C-alpha cells in the first residue's frame, strides 16, 4: 500500500511540476524527487519481499496505511522546510 501511495504522489507531483515549472519558488522538483526516491525505495522493498515468497503488494497489514501516511507527511515536511530555506536564501542574497 505504501508503494502505491508514494507512486501516486510521485505522479501527481511530477505532473504539477511539469505544469508549474516556470514557478521556481515552489520547488516542486524537490518534492517530485523526494516522492520518487521513496517510491524507488518501496519498489526495492516489494521486489525483495516477492523474492522471499510473499506477495508483491499486500493490503493485509493495517500498519501499511500508517507507513504510507508517515512517508507522505515526511516528504511534505521536508519539502516545506527546504523550500523555506531556499526561498529565504534568495531573499537574503537579493538584499
Protein backbone atom coordinates (compact mmCIF):
# COMPACT_ATOMS: atom_id res chain seq x y z
CA UNK A 1 0.00 0.00 0.00
CA UNK A 2 2.81 2.42 0.81
CA UNK A 3 4.40 1.73 -2.58
CA UNK A 4 1.19 2.66 -4.38
CA UNK A 5 0.74 5.76 -2.23
CA UNK A 6 4.21 7.10 -2.97
CA UNK A 7 3.84 6.16 -6.65
CA UNK A 8 0.61 8.16 -6.87
CA UNK A 9 2.27 11.10 -5.08
CA UNK A 10 5.22 10.92 -7.48
CA UNK A 11 2.94 11.00 -10.49
CA UNK A 12 0.82 13.85 -9.11
CA UNK A 13 3.80 16.00 -8.13
CA UNK A 14 5.52 15.21 -11.44
CA UNK A 15 2.50 16.47 -13.36
CA UNK A 16 2.27 19.55 -11.11
CA UNK A 17 5.97 20.24 -11.61
CA UNK A 18 5.55 19.91 -15.39
CA UNK A 19 2.75 22.46 -15.49
CA UNK A 20 4.26 24.85 -12.94
CA UNK A 21 7.97 24.53 -13.75
CA UNK A 22 8.16 28.23 -14.57
CA UNK A 23 7.43 28.99 -10.89
CA UNK A 24 10.82 28.17 -9.45
CA UNK A 25 9.92 29.39 -5.95
CA UNK A 26 7.55 26.43 -5.46
CA UNK A 27 10.45 23.94 -5.70
CA UNK A 28 8.14 21.18 -6.93
CA UNK A 29 11.17 19.44 -8.39
CA UNK A 30 12.39 18.75 -4.85
CA UNK A 31 9.02 17.29 -3.88
CA UNK A 32 8.94 15.12 -7.01
CA UNK A 33 12.45 13.82 -6.36
CA UNK A 34 11.58 13.12 -2.72
CA UNK A 35 8.49 11.11 -3.61
CA UNK A 36 10.33 9.44 -6.49
CA UNK A 37 13.15 8.28 -4.25
CA UNK A 38 10.72 6.91 -1.68
CA UNK A 39 8.86 5.11 -4.48
CA UNK A 40 12.14 3.56 -5.60
CA UNK A 41 12.89 2.51 -2.02
CA UNK A 42 9.47 0.86 -1.61
CA UNK A 43 9.78 -0.79 -5.06
CA UNK A 44 13.05 -2.41 -4.00
CA UNK A 45 11.37 -3.49 -0.75
CA UNK A 46 8.47 -5.03 -2.69
CA UNK A 47 10.88 -6.86 -5.00
CA UNK A 48 12.79 -8.34 -2.06
CA UNK A 49 9.60 -9.42 -0.30
CA UNK A 50 8.41 -11.04 -3.53
CA UNK A 51 11.74 -12.88 -3.83
CA UNK A 52 11.15 -14.30 -0.35
CA UNK A 53 7.87 -15.84 -1.47
CA UNK A 54 5.49 -13.24 -0.10
CA UNK A 55 3.08 -11.27 -2.31
CA UNK A 56 4.46 -8.24 -4.16
CA UNK A 57 1.75 -5.96 -2.78
CA UNK A 58 -0.02 -6.67 0.48
CA UNK A 59 -3.08 -4.93 1.89
CA UNK A 60 -3.46 -7.19 4.94
CA UNK A 61 -1.31 -5.32 7.44
CA UNK A 62 -3.09 -2.28 8.94
CA UNK A 63 0.23 -0.61 9.73
CA UNK A 64 0.88 -0.15 6.00
CA UNK A 65 -1.55 2.75 5.98
CA UNK A 66 0.34 4.43 8.79
CA UNK A 67 3.64 3.87 6.98
CA UNK A 68 2.17 5.44 3.85
CA UNK A 69 0.89 8.40 5.86
CA UNK A 70 4.28 8.84 7.55
CA UNK A 71 6.06 8.77 4.17
CA UNK A 72 3.64 11.37 2.80
CA UNK A 73 3.87 13.68 5.81
CA UNK A 74 7.65 13.31 5.99
CA UNK A 75 8.11 14.25 2.34
CA UNK A 76 5.76 17.23 2.64
CA UNK A 77 7.54 18.40 5.80
CA UNK A 78 10.97 18.02 4.11
CA UNK A 79 9.71 19.98 1.07
CA UNK A 80 8.26 22.80 3.18
CA UNK A 81 11.42 23.20 5.26
CA UNK A 82 13.76 23.04 2.26
CA UNK A 83 11.58 25.44 0.24
CA UNK A 84 11.56 27.88 3.13
CA UNK A 85 15.34 27.71 3.42
CA UNK A 86 15.93 28.11 -0.32
CA UNK A 87 13.42 30.95 -0.71
CA UNK A 88 14.82 32.71 2.36
CA UNK A 89 18.37 32.45 0.98
CA UNK A 90 17.26 34.09 -2.26
CA UNK A 91 15.77 37.00 -0.31
CA UNK A 92 18.96 37.44 1.73
CA UNK A 93 21.16 37.35 -1.40
CA UNK A 94 18.89 39.91 -3.14
CA UNK A 95 19.49 42.50 -0.38
